[in-house]
Every structure is written in structure tokens, then in C-alpha cells.
């Protein structure tokens, strides 16, 4: 009976530690997603300046150079542009994407839709550059948050697991 109790308590400790690690990992993934969207925006600026491709084709090309989460945003936007204007397609793609952004991140990225496909090339480039600068600020904030909270949640998970283990021993 003691043996089973020790095994169950060890499992509880392991699960608490794993939950702490999973929570800490969300901070890391947010930084990665923000860096990827910045990379995508920089690619968009370059391709818009030098290739003059239409937005749907541009989005399809950009998606090839990104990780799966961010590539899906651009692929969905490309697909939605068949029936919606560029701004609506961008917002819908962001809403339906699987990412680690906060609401503030999403609002900044959605802000791109205001001029996307509605103004001349220079207007769109200026909007993308503005969004890139705002994403830079979010990356700094996310990195600070990651540095502060990653260790906290890992330690907290292990500590809670250990506390539960001690209570039931």
C-alpha cells in the first residue's frame, strides 16, 4: 500500500512540474511567434518594394519562409482574399490562427488591415513598417515577461507538487 502511495504522489509531483513547464513555455512561444511575424512583415516590405506581386501571391510566397503557425496566417489570408478584401482577409486569418499572441499583440497585428490593399504601395509599406515597429516593442515586452515568468512558473509547479507530496505523506 505504501508503494502505491509513493508512486501516486510522485506522479502528482511530476504532473505539477509539467504544468509549470507548460505555462512557462507559453512565454517562450509568444516571443518566437512575435519574431516570426516581424520576419514576415520584413519579407513583405522587401517583396512589395521589388517584385510588385499582388497581395494574395505575396502572402503565399511569404508563407513558405515561416514556421507553421505564422505560415498558416498568410496561407489563410491568401485563401480568404478570393472572397474578401485584403483587410478583411487579414483580420479573419488572424482570428482563426493558432498562435501564442496576447490580445494586445493581436490588435497591433490586426492594425495592418486598415490600409492593406486600400492605398497605394507607399501607404501600405508605411503601415507595415509602423506595425513592424510596434511588434518590435511587443518583442521587448514579451522577452522581459519571459525572463521574469519562465523561472517563476517552473519553480512554482515543482514547489506545488512537492507541497502536495508532503501533505499526503
N, C-alpha and C. Protein backbone atom coordinates (compact mmCIF):
# COMPACT_ATOMS: atom_id res chain seq x y z
N UNK A 1 0.82 -1.20 0.00
CA UNK A 1 0.00 0.00 0.00
C UNK A 1 0.87 1.27 0.00
N UNK A 2 1.94 1.27 0.78
CA UNK A 2 2.86 2.41 0.82
C UNK A 2 3.49 2.65 -0.54
N UNK A 3 3.81 1.56 -1.22
CA UNK A 3 4.45 1.65 -2.52
C UNK A 3 3.55 2.36 -3.52
N UNK A 4 2.28 2.04 -3.54
CA UNK A 4 1.31 2.66 -4.44
C UNK A 4 1.16 4.15 -4.11
N UNK A 5 1.13 4.47 -2.82
CA UNK A 5 1.01 5.85 -2.38
C UNK A 5 2.21 6.67 -2.86
N UNK A 6 3.40 6.12 -2.75
CA UNK A 6 4.60 6.83 -3.19
C UNK A 6 4.58 7.04 -4.70
N UNK A 7 4.15 6.04 -5.43
CA UNK A 7 4.05 6.17 -6.89
C UNK A 7 3.05 7.25 -7.27
N UNK A 8 1.87 7.25 -6.64
CA UNK A 8 0.84 8.26 -6.95
C UNK A 8 1.32 9.67 -6.60
N UNK A 9 1.96 9.82 -5.47
CA UNK A 9 2.46 11.13 -5.08
C UNK A 9 3.57 11.61 -6.02
N UNK A 10 4.40 10.69 -6.47
CA UNK A 10 5.44 11.04 -7.43
C UNK A 10 4.81 11.49 -8.76
N UNK A 11 3.76 10.80 -9.16
CA UNK A 11 3.04 11.20 -10.38
C UNK A 11 2.43 12.60 -10.23
N UNK A 12 1.85 12.89 -9.06
CA UNK A 12 1.27 14.21 -8.81
C UNK A 12 2.36 15.28 -8.90
N UNK A 13 3.50 15.00 -8.29
CA UNK A 13 4.61 15.96 -8.35
C UNK A 13 5.06 16.17 -9.79
N UNK A 14 5.18 15.07 -10.53
CA UNK A 14 5.57 15.17 -11.93
C UNK A 14 4.58 15.96 -12.75
N UNK A 15 3.29 15.77 -12.50
CA UNK A 15 2.26 16.50 -13.24
C UNK A 15 2.29 17.99 -12.91
N UNK A 16 2.46 18.32 -11.65
CA UNK A 16 2.54 19.74 -11.26
C UNK A 16 3.76 20.40 -11.91
N UNK A 17 4.87 19.70 -11.90
CA UNK A 17 6.09 20.23 -12.53
C UNK A 17 5.87 20.42 -14.03
N UNK A 18 5.23 19.44 -14.67
CA UNK A 18 4.96 19.52 -16.10
C UNK A 18 4.03 20.70 -16.42
N UNK A 19 3.03 20.92 -15.58
CA UNK A 19 2.12 22.06 -15.78
C UNK A 19 2.88 23.38 -15.67
N UNK A 20 3.79 23.47 -14.71
CA UNK A 20 4.61 24.68 -14.57
C UNK A 20 5.47 24.90 -15.80
N UNK A 21 6.04 23.84 -16.32
CA UNK A 21 6.89 23.95 -17.52
C UNK A 21 6.05 24.36 -18.73
N UNK A 22 4.85 23.79 -18.85
CA UNK A 22 3.97 24.14 -19.97
C UNK A 22 3.56 25.62 -19.92
N UNK A 23 3.25 26.09 -18.72
CA UNK A 23 2.88 27.51 -18.57
C UNK A 23 4.08 28.40 -18.90
N UNK A 24 5.26 28.03 -18.46
CA UNK A 24 6.48 28.79 -18.75
C UNK A 24 6.78 28.79 -20.25
N UNK A 25 6.49 27.70 -20.91
CA UNK A 25 6.77 27.56 -22.34
C UNK A 25 5.92 28.52 -23.19
N UNK A 26 4.74 28.88 -22.69
CA UNK A 26 3.88 29.82 -23.44
C UNK A 26 4.56 31.17 -23.62
N UNK A 27 5.34 31.59 -22.64
CA UNK A 27 6.05 32.85 -22.75
C UNK A 27 7.12 32.77 -23.84
N UNK A 28 7.79 31.66 -23.89
CA UNK A 28 8.83 31.45 -24.92
C UNK A 28 8.20 31.42 -26.31
N UNK A 29 7.08 30.72 -26.44
CA UNK A 29 6.41 30.60 -27.74
C UNK A 29 5.87 31.94 -28.23
N UNK A 30 5.44 32.79 -27.30
CA UNK A 30 4.96 34.12 -27.70
C UNK A 30 6.10 34.92 -28.33
N UNK A 31 7.28 34.87 -27.72
CA UNK A 31 8.44 35.59 -28.27
C UNK A 31 8.76 35.06 -29.67
N UNK A 32 8.73 33.74 -29.82
CA UNK A 32 9.03 33.13 -31.13
C UNK A 32 8.00 33.57 -32.17
N UNK A 33 6.72 33.56 -31.81
CA UNK A 33 5.68 33.97 -32.76
C UNK A 33 5.83 35.45 -33.15
N UNK A 34 6.14 36.29 -32.18
CA UNK A 34 6.33 37.71 -32.50
C UNK A 34 7.53 37.91 -33.41
N UNK A 35 8.61 37.18 -33.17
CA UNK A 35 9.79 37.29 -34.04
C UNK A 35 9.47 36.80 -35.45
N UNK A 36 8.66 35.77 -35.55
CA UNK A 36 8.27 35.25 -36.87
C UNK A 36 7.38 36.23 -37.62
N UNK A 37 6.44 36.88 -36.91
CA UNK A 37 5.57 37.83 -37.60
C UNK A 37 6.39 39.04 -38.04
N UNK A 38 7.39 39.42 -37.25
CA UNK A 38 8.28 40.52 -37.65
C UNK A 38 9.05 40.12 -38.91
N UNK A 39 9.55 38.90 -38.93
CA UNK A 39 10.27 38.40 -40.10
C UNK A 39 9.35 38.45 -41.32
N UNK A 40 8.11 38.02 -41.14
CA UNK A 40 7.15 38.01 -42.25
C UNK A 40 6.87 39.43 -42.74
N UNK A 41 6.73 40.36 -41.83
CA UNK A 41 6.47 41.74 -42.23
C UNK A 41 7.66 42.33 -42.98
N UNK A 42 8.87 42.02 -42.53
CA UNK A 42 10.06 42.48 -43.24
C UNK A 42 10.15 41.86 -44.64
N UNK A 43 9.78 40.59 -44.75
CA UNK A 43 9.73 39.94 -46.07
C UNK A 43 8.70 40.63 -46.96
N UNK A 44 7.56 40.98 -46.37
CA UNK A 44 6.51 41.65 -47.14
C UNK A 44 7.00 42.99 -47.67
N UNK A 45 7.69 43.74 -46.83
CA UNK A 45 8.22 45.04 -47.26
C UNK A 45 9.17 44.85 -48.44
N UNK A 46 10.08 43.91 -48.31
CA UNK A 46 11.06 43.68 -49.37
C UNK A 46 10.39 43.22 -50.65
N UNK A 47 9.49 42.26 -50.56
CA UNK A 47 8.83 41.73 -51.76
C UNK A 47 7.93 42.78 -52.41
N UNK A 48 7.25 43.59 -51.59
CA UNK A 48 6.38 44.62 -52.16
C UNK A 48 7.19 45.67 -52.90
N UNK A 49 8.34 46.02 -52.36
CA UNK A 49 9.18 47.05 -52.99
C UNK A 49 9.78 46.58 -54.31
N UNK A 50 10.15 45.31 -54.37
CA UNK A 50 10.95 44.87 -55.51
C UNK A 50 10.25 43.92 -56.48
N UNK A 51 9.16 43.29 -56.08
CA UNK A 51 8.53 42.34 -57.00
C UNK A 51 7.20 42.83 -57.55
N UNK A 52 6.53 43.72 -56.82
CA UNK A 52 5.22 44.24 -57.23
C UNK A 52 4.19 43.14 -57.47
N UNK A 53 4.29 42.05 -56.71
CA UNK A 53 3.32 40.96 -56.81
C UNK A 53 2.01 41.40 -56.17
N UNK A 54 0.89 40.86 -56.63
CA UNK A 54 -0.38 41.14 -55.95
C UNK A 54 -0.35 40.54 -54.53
N UNK A 55 -1.11 41.14 -53.62
CA UNK A 55 -1.08 40.70 -52.22
C UNK A 55 -1.33 39.20 -52.02
N UNK A 56 -2.33 38.61 -52.69
CA UNK A 56 -2.55 37.17 -52.46
C UNK A 56 -1.31 36.33 -52.80
N UNK A 57 -0.67 36.63 -53.90
CA UNK A 57 0.54 35.88 -54.29
C UNK A 57 1.70 36.19 -53.35
N UNK A 58 1.78 37.43 -52.92
CA UNK A 58 2.81 37.85 -51.98
C UNK A 58 2.68 37.07 -50.67
N UNK A 59 1.46 36.95 -50.17
CA UNK A 59 1.22 36.21 -48.93
C UNK A 59 1.57 34.74 -49.09
N UNK A 60 1.24 34.19 -50.24
CA UNK A 60 1.56 32.79 -50.49
C UNK A 60 3.08 32.57 -50.49
N UNK A 61 3.81 33.49 -51.10
CA UNK A 61 5.28 33.39 -51.14
C UNK A 61 5.89 33.55 -49.75
N UNK A 62 5.38 34.49 -48.98
CA UNK A 62 5.91 34.73 -47.64
C UNK A 62 5.70 33.51 -46.75
N UNK A 63 4.58 32.84 -46.90
CA UNK A 63 4.27 31.69 -46.04
C UNK A 63 5.31 30.57 -46.15
N UNK A 64 6.00 30.51 -47.28
CA UNK A 64 6.99 29.45 -47.48
C UNK A 64 8.23 29.61 -46.60
N UNK A 65 8.47 30.82 -46.11
CA UNK A 65 9.68 31.10 -45.33
C UNK A 65 9.44 31.16 -43.83
N UNK A 66 8.24 30.77 -43.36
CA UNK A 66 7.89 30.93 -41.95
C UNK A 66 7.63 29.59 -41.28
N UNK A 67 7.59 29.63 -39.93
CA UNK A 67 7.22 28.42 -39.20
C UNK A 67 5.73 28.15 -39.42
N UNK A 68 5.27 27.00 -39.02
CA UNK A 68 3.91 26.55 -39.34
C UNK A 68 2.83 27.51 -38.83
N UNK A 69 2.94 27.99 -37.58
CA UNK A 69 1.92 28.89 -37.02
C UNK A 69 1.75 30.14 -37.86
N UNK A 70 2.85 30.79 -38.17
CA UNK A 70 2.77 32.05 -38.92
C UNK A 70 2.47 31.80 -40.39
N UNK A 71 2.97 30.72 -40.94
CA UNK A 71 2.67 30.39 -42.34
C UNK A 71 1.17 30.20 -42.53
N UNK A 72 0.50 29.61 -41.54
CA UNK A 72 -0.94 29.39 -41.65
C UNK A 72 -1.70 30.70 -41.74
N UNK A 73 -1.23 31.73 -41.05
CA UNK A 73 -1.90 33.04 -41.13
C UNK A 73 -1.86 33.55 -42.57
N UNK A 74 -0.70 33.48 -43.18
CA UNK A 74 -0.55 34.01 -44.54
C UNK A 74 -1.26 33.13 -45.57
N UNK A 75 -1.26 31.82 -45.36
CA UNK A 75 -1.99 30.93 -46.28
C UNK A 75 -3.49 31.18 -46.18
N UNK A 76 -4.00 31.32 -44.95
CA UNK A 76 -5.42 31.60 -44.77
C UNK A 76 -5.79 32.96 -45.37
N UNK A 77 -4.95 33.96 -45.14
CA UNK A 77 -5.23 35.29 -45.72
C UNK A 77 -5.26 35.20 -47.24
N UNK A 78 -4.32 34.44 -47.81
CA UNK A 78 -4.29 34.24 -49.26
C UNK A 78 -5.61 33.61 -49.73
N UNK A 79 -6.07 32.61 -49.02
CA UNK A 79 -7.30 31.90 -49.38
C UNK A 79 -8.52 32.83 -49.21
N UNK A 80 -8.58 33.55 -48.11
CA UNK A 80 -9.72 34.42 -47.86
C UNK A 80 -9.80 35.58 -48.85
N UNK A 81 -8.68 35.96 -49.46
CA UNK A 81 -8.69 37.07 -50.41
C UNK A 81 -9.44 36.73 -51.70
N UNK A 82 -9.78 35.46 -51.87
CA UNK A 82 -10.59 35.09 -53.04
C UNK A 82 -11.99 35.66 -52.92
N UNK A 83 -12.49 35.81 -51.66
CA UNK A 83 -13.86 36.28 -51.47
C UNK A 83 -13.95 37.58 -50.68
N UNK A 84 -12.90 37.95 -49.97
CA UNK A 84 -12.91 39.15 -49.13
C UNK A 84 -11.84 40.13 -49.60
N UNK A 85 -11.96 41.38 -49.17
CA UNK A 85 -10.88 42.32 -49.48
C UNK A 85 -9.68 41.99 -48.59
N UNK A 86 -8.54 42.59 -48.87
CA UNK A 86 -7.30 42.23 -48.19
C UNK A 86 -7.37 42.47 -46.68
N UNK A 87 -7.95 43.59 -46.27
CA UNK A 87 -8.05 43.90 -44.84
C UNK A 87 -8.91 42.90 -44.09
N UNK A 88 -10.07 42.59 -44.66
CA UNK A 88 -10.96 41.61 -44.02
C UNK A 88 -10.32 40.23 -43.98
N UNK A 89 -9.66 39.86 -45.06
CA UNK A 89 -9.00 38.56 -45.13
C UNK A 89 -7.90 38.45 -44.07
N UNK A 90 -7.13 39.53 -43.90
CA UNK A 90 -6.06 39.55 -42.90
C UNK A 90 -6.63 39.37 -41.49
N UNK A 91 -7.68 40.14 -41.17
CA UNK A 91 -8.28 40.05 -39.84
C UNK A 91 -8.86 38.66 -39.58
N UNK A 92 -9.54 38.11 -40.57
CA UNK A 92 -10.13 36.78 -40.40
C UNK A 92 -9.03 35.73 -40.23
N UNK A 93 -7.95 35.85 -40.97
CA UNK A 93 -6.84 34.90 -40.85
C UNK A 93 -6.21 34.98 -39.46
N UNK A 94 -6.07 36.18 -38.92
CA UNK A 94 -5.51 36.35 -37.56
C UNK A 94 -6.46 35.72 -36.55
N UNK A 95 -7.76 35.99 -36.70
CA UNK A 95 -8.75 35.44 -35.76
C UNK A 95 -8.76 33.92 -35.75
N UNK A 96 -8.57 33.32 -36.90
CA UNK A 96 -8.66 31.86 -37.00
C UNK A 96 -7.31 31.15 -36.82
N UNK A 97 -6.28 31.92 -36.57
CA UNK A 97 -4.95 31.30 -36.45
C UNK A 97 -4.73 30.72 -35.06
N UNK A 98 -3.81 29.77 -35.02
CA UNK A 98 -3.40 29.16 -33.76
C UNK A 98 -2.04 29.77 -33.41
N UNK A 99 -2.06 30.72 -32.46
CA UNK A 99 -0.82 31.40 -32.11
C UNK A 99 -0.76 31.65 -30.61
N UNK A 100 0.32 32.24 -30.18
CA UNK A 100 0.54 32.50 -28.75
C UNK A 100 0.53 33.99 -28.44
N UNK A 101 -0.18 34.77 -29.25
CA UNK A 101 -0.23 36.20 -29.07
C UNK A 101 -1.18 36.58 -27.93
N UNK A 102 -0.88 37.72 -27.30
CA UNK A 102 -1.82 38.31 -26.35
C UNK A 102 -2.82 39.14 -27.14
N UNK A 103 -3.86 39.63 -26.47
CA UNK A 103 -4.85 40.48 -27.14
C UNK A 103 -4.20 41.75 -27.69
N UNK A 104 -3.25 42.29 -26.96
CA UNK A 104 -2.55 43.50 -27.43
C UNK A 104 -1.76 43.20 -28.70
N UNK A 105 -1.09 42.04 -28.74
CA UNK A 105 -0.35 41.64 -29.94
C UNK A 105 -1.29 41.53 -31.13
N UNK A 106 -2.42 40.89 -30.90
CA UNK A 106 -3.40 40.67 -31.98
C UNK A 106 -3.91 42.02 -32.50
N UNK A 107 -4.21 42.94 -31.60
CA UNK A 107 -4.70 44.26 -32.03
C UNK A 107 -3.67 44.99 -32.87
N UNK A 108 -2.40 44.88 -32.49
CA UNK A 108 -1.33 45.53 -33.26
C UNK A 108 -1.23 44.89 -34.65
N UNK A 109 -1.26 43.59 -34.71
CA UNK A 109 -1.12 42.88 -35.98
C UNK A 109 -2.36 43.10 -36.86
N UNK A 110 -3.53 43.15 -36.24
CA UNK A 110 -4.74 43.43 -37.00
C UNK A 110 -4.76 44.85 -37.53
N UNK A 111 -4.04 45.76 -36.86
CA UNK A 111 -3.98 47.15 -37.30
C UNK A 111 -3.46 47.27 -38.72
N UNK A 112 -2.73 46.29 -39.15
CA UNK A 112 -2.21 46.27 -40.52
C UNK A 112 -3.34 46.27 -41.54
N UNK A 113 -4.49 45.74 -41.16
CA UNK A 113 -5.60 45.60 -42.11
C UNK A 113 -6.22 46.95 -42.52
N UNK A 114 -5.94 48.00 -41.76
CA UNK A 114 -6.56 49.30 -42.05
C UNK A 114 -6.24 49.81 -43.45
N UNK A 115 -4.99 49.63 -43.87
CA UNK A 115 -4.58 50.15 -45.18
C UNK A 115 -4.21 49.06 -46.17
N UNK A 116 -4.24 47.82 -45.73
CA UNK A 116 -3.83 46.71 -46.59
C UNK A 116 -4.75 46.58 -47.80
N UNK A 117 -4.19 46.79 -48.96
CA UNK A 117 -4.96 46.68 -50.20
C UNK A 117 -5.85 47.87 -50.48
N UNK A 118 -5.81 48.91 -49.63
CA UNK A 118 -6.70 50.05 -49.80
C UNK A 118 -5.98 51.30 -50.29
N UNK A 119 -4.66 51.33 -50.13
CA UNK A 119 -3.91 52.51 -50.54
C UNK A 119 -2.85 52.12 -51.56
N UNK A 120 -2.09 53.11 -51.96
CA UNK A 120 -1.01 52.83 -52.90
C UNK A 120 0.11 52.07 -52.19
N UNK A 121 1.11 51.70 -52.94
CA UNK A 121 2.22 50.90 -52.43
C UNK A 121 2.90 51.56 -51.24
N UNK A 122 3.19 52.86 -51.35
CA UNK A 122 3.89 53.57 -50.28
C UNK A 122 3.07 53.61 -49.00
N UNK A 123 1.77 53.79 -49.12
CA UNK A 123 0.89 53.79 -47.95
C UNK A 123 0.90 52.45 -47.24
N UNK A 124 0.83 51.39 -48.02
CA UNK A 124 0.87 50.05 -47.44
C UNK A 124 2.22 49.76 -46.79
N UNK A 125 3.30 50.18 -47.45
CA UNK A 125 4.64 49.97 -46.89
C UNK A 125 4.80 50.73 -45.57
N UNK A 126 4.28 51.94 -45.51
CA UNK A 126 4.37 52.72 -44.27
C UNK A 126 3.58 52.04 -43.15
N UNK A 127 2.42 51.48 -43.46
CA UNK A 127 1.62 50.78 -42.46
C UNK A 127 2.34 49.53 -41.98
N UNK A 128 2.95 48.79 -42.88
CA UNK A 128 3.69 47.58 -42.50
C UNK A 128 4.90 47.97 -41.64
N UNK A 129 5.60 49.05 -42.00
CA UNK A 129 6.75 49.49 -41.21
C UNK A 129 6.32 49.93 -39.81
N UNK A 130 5.19 50.61 -39.71
CA UNK A 130 4.66 51.01 -38.41
C UNK A 130 4.32 49.77 -37.58
N UNK A 131 3.67 48.81 -38.19
CA UNK A 131 3.33 47.58 -37.49
C UNK A 131 4.59 46.85 -37.03
N UNK A 132 5.63 46.86 -37.87
CA UNK A 132 6.90 46.22 -37.50
C UNK A 132 7.50 46.88 -36.27
N UNK A 133 7.45 48.21 -36.22
CA UNK A 133 7.98 48.92 -35.04
C UNK A 133 7.19 48.58 -33.79
N UNK A 134 5.88 48.49 -33.93
CA UNK A 134 5.05 48.13 -32.79
C UNK A 134 5.31 46.69 -32.34
N UNK A 135 5.53 45.81 -33.31
CA UNK A 135 5.85 44.41 -32.98
C UNK A 135 7.21 44.35 -32.28
N UNK A 136 8.16 45.20 -32.69
CA UNK A 136 9.46 45.27 -32.00
C UNK A 136 9.27 45.58 -30.52
N UNK A 137 8.41 46.54 -30.23
CA UNK A 137 8.13 46.89 -28.83
C UNK A 137 7.50 45.71 -28.09
N UNK A 138 6.62 44.99 -28.77
CA UNK A 138 5.98 43.83 -28.15
C UNK A 138 7.01 42.72 -27.90
N UNK A 139 7.98 42.58 -28.80
CA UNK A 139 9.02 41.57 -28.61
C UNK A 139 9.83 41.89 -27.36
N UNK A 140 10.16 43.15 -27.17
CA UNK A 140 10.91 43.55 -25.97
C UNK A 140 10.10 43.25 -24.72
N UNK A 141 8.83 43.61 -24.74
CA UNK A 141 7.95 43.36 -23.59
C UNK A 141 7.79 41.86 -23.34
N UNK A 142 7.63 41.09 -24.42
CA UNK A 142 7.46 39.64 -24.29
C UNK A 142 8.73 38.98 -23.77
N UNK A 143 9.88 39.46 -24.20
CA UNK A 143 11.15 38.92 -23.72
C UNK A 143 11.33 39.20 -22.24
N UNK A 144 11.00 40.42 -21.82
CA UNK A 144 11.07 40.75 -20.39
C UNK A 144 10.12 39.88 -19.59
N UNK A 145 8.92 39.71 -20.10
CA UNK A 145 7.93 38.86 -19.43
C UNK A 145 8.41 37.40 -19.37
N UNK A 146 9.02 36.94 -20.45
CA UNK A 146 9.55 35.58 -20.48
C UNK A 146 10.64 35.40 -19.43
N UNK A 147 11.58 36.35 -19.38
CA UNK A 147 12.67 36.25 -18.42
C UNK A 147 12.16 36.24 -16.99
N UNK A 148 11.13 37.02 -16.74
CA UNK A 148 10.59 37.14 -15.39
C UNK A 148 9.76 35.91 -14.99
N UNK A 149 8.92 35.44 -15.90
CA UNK A 149 7.93 34.44 -15.54
C UNK A 149 8.32 32.99 -15.80
N UNK A 150 9.26 32.74 -16.69
CA UNK A 150 9.61 31.35 -17.01
C UNK A 150 10.13 30.62 -15.78
N UNK A 151 11.09 31.19 -15.12
CA UNK A 151 11.65 30.55 -13.93
C UNK A 151 10.60 30.45 -12.83
N UNK A 152 9.77 31.49 -12.70
CA UNK A 152 8.73 31.51 -11.69
C UNK A 152 7.78 30.32 -11.83
N UNK A 153 7.27 30.09 -13.03
CA UNK A 153 6.29 29.02 -13.23
C UNK A 153 6.92 27.64 -13.12
N UNK A 154 8.14 27.49 -13.57
CA UNK A 154 8.81 26.21 -13.42
C UNK A 154 9.00 25.88 -11.94
N UNK A 155 9.47 26.86 -11.19
CA UNK A 155 9.69 26.67 -9.76
C UNK A 155 8.37 26.47 -9.03
N UNK A 156 7.37 27.25 -9.39
CA UNK A 156 6.07 27.15 -8.75
C UNK A 156 5.44 25.77 -8.96
N UNK A 157 5.53 25.25 -10.17
CA UNK A 157 4.99 23.91 -10.45
C UNK A 157 5.65 22.85 -9.60
N UNK A 158 6.97 22.88 -9.53
CA UNK A 158 7.70 21.89 -8.72
C UNK A 158 7.39 22.07 -7.24
N UNK A 159 7.29 23.31 -6.78
CA UNK A 159 7.02 23.57 -5.37
C UNK A 159 5.63 23.11 -4.97
N UNK A 160 4.64 23.40 -5.81
CA UNK A 160 3.27 22.95 -5.51
C UNK A 160 3.22 21.43 -5.49
N UNK A 161 3.88 20.80 -6.44
CA UNK A 161 3.93 19.33 -6.46
C UNK A 161 4.58 18.77 -5.21
N UNK A 162 5.66 19.38 -4.79
CA UNK A 162 6.35 18.93 -3.58
C UNK A 162 5.48 19.17 -2.35
N UNK A 163 4.79 20.31 -2.30
CA UNK A 163 3.91 20.61 -1.17
C UNK A 163 2.78 19.57 -1.06
N UNK A 164 2.18 19.24 -2.19
CA UNK A 164 1.12 18.23 -2.19
C UNK A 164 1.68 16.89 -1.72
N UNK A 165 2.86 16.57 -2.18
CA UNK A 165 3.50 15.32 -1.79
C UNK A 165 3.74 15.29 -0.28
N UNK A 166 4.22 16.38 0.27
CA UNK A 166 4.49 16.43 1.72
C UNK A 166 3.19 16.35 2.53
N UNK A 167 2.14 17.02 2.05
CA UNK A 167 0.86 16.99 2.77
C UNK A 167 0.31 15.58 2.87
N UNK A 168 0.43 14.82 1.80
CA UNK A 168 -0.17 13.48 1.80
C UNK A 168 0.75 12.38 2.33
N UNK A 169 1.97 12.74 2.65
CA UNK A 169 2.87 11.72 3.24
C UNK A 169 2.55 11.65 4.68
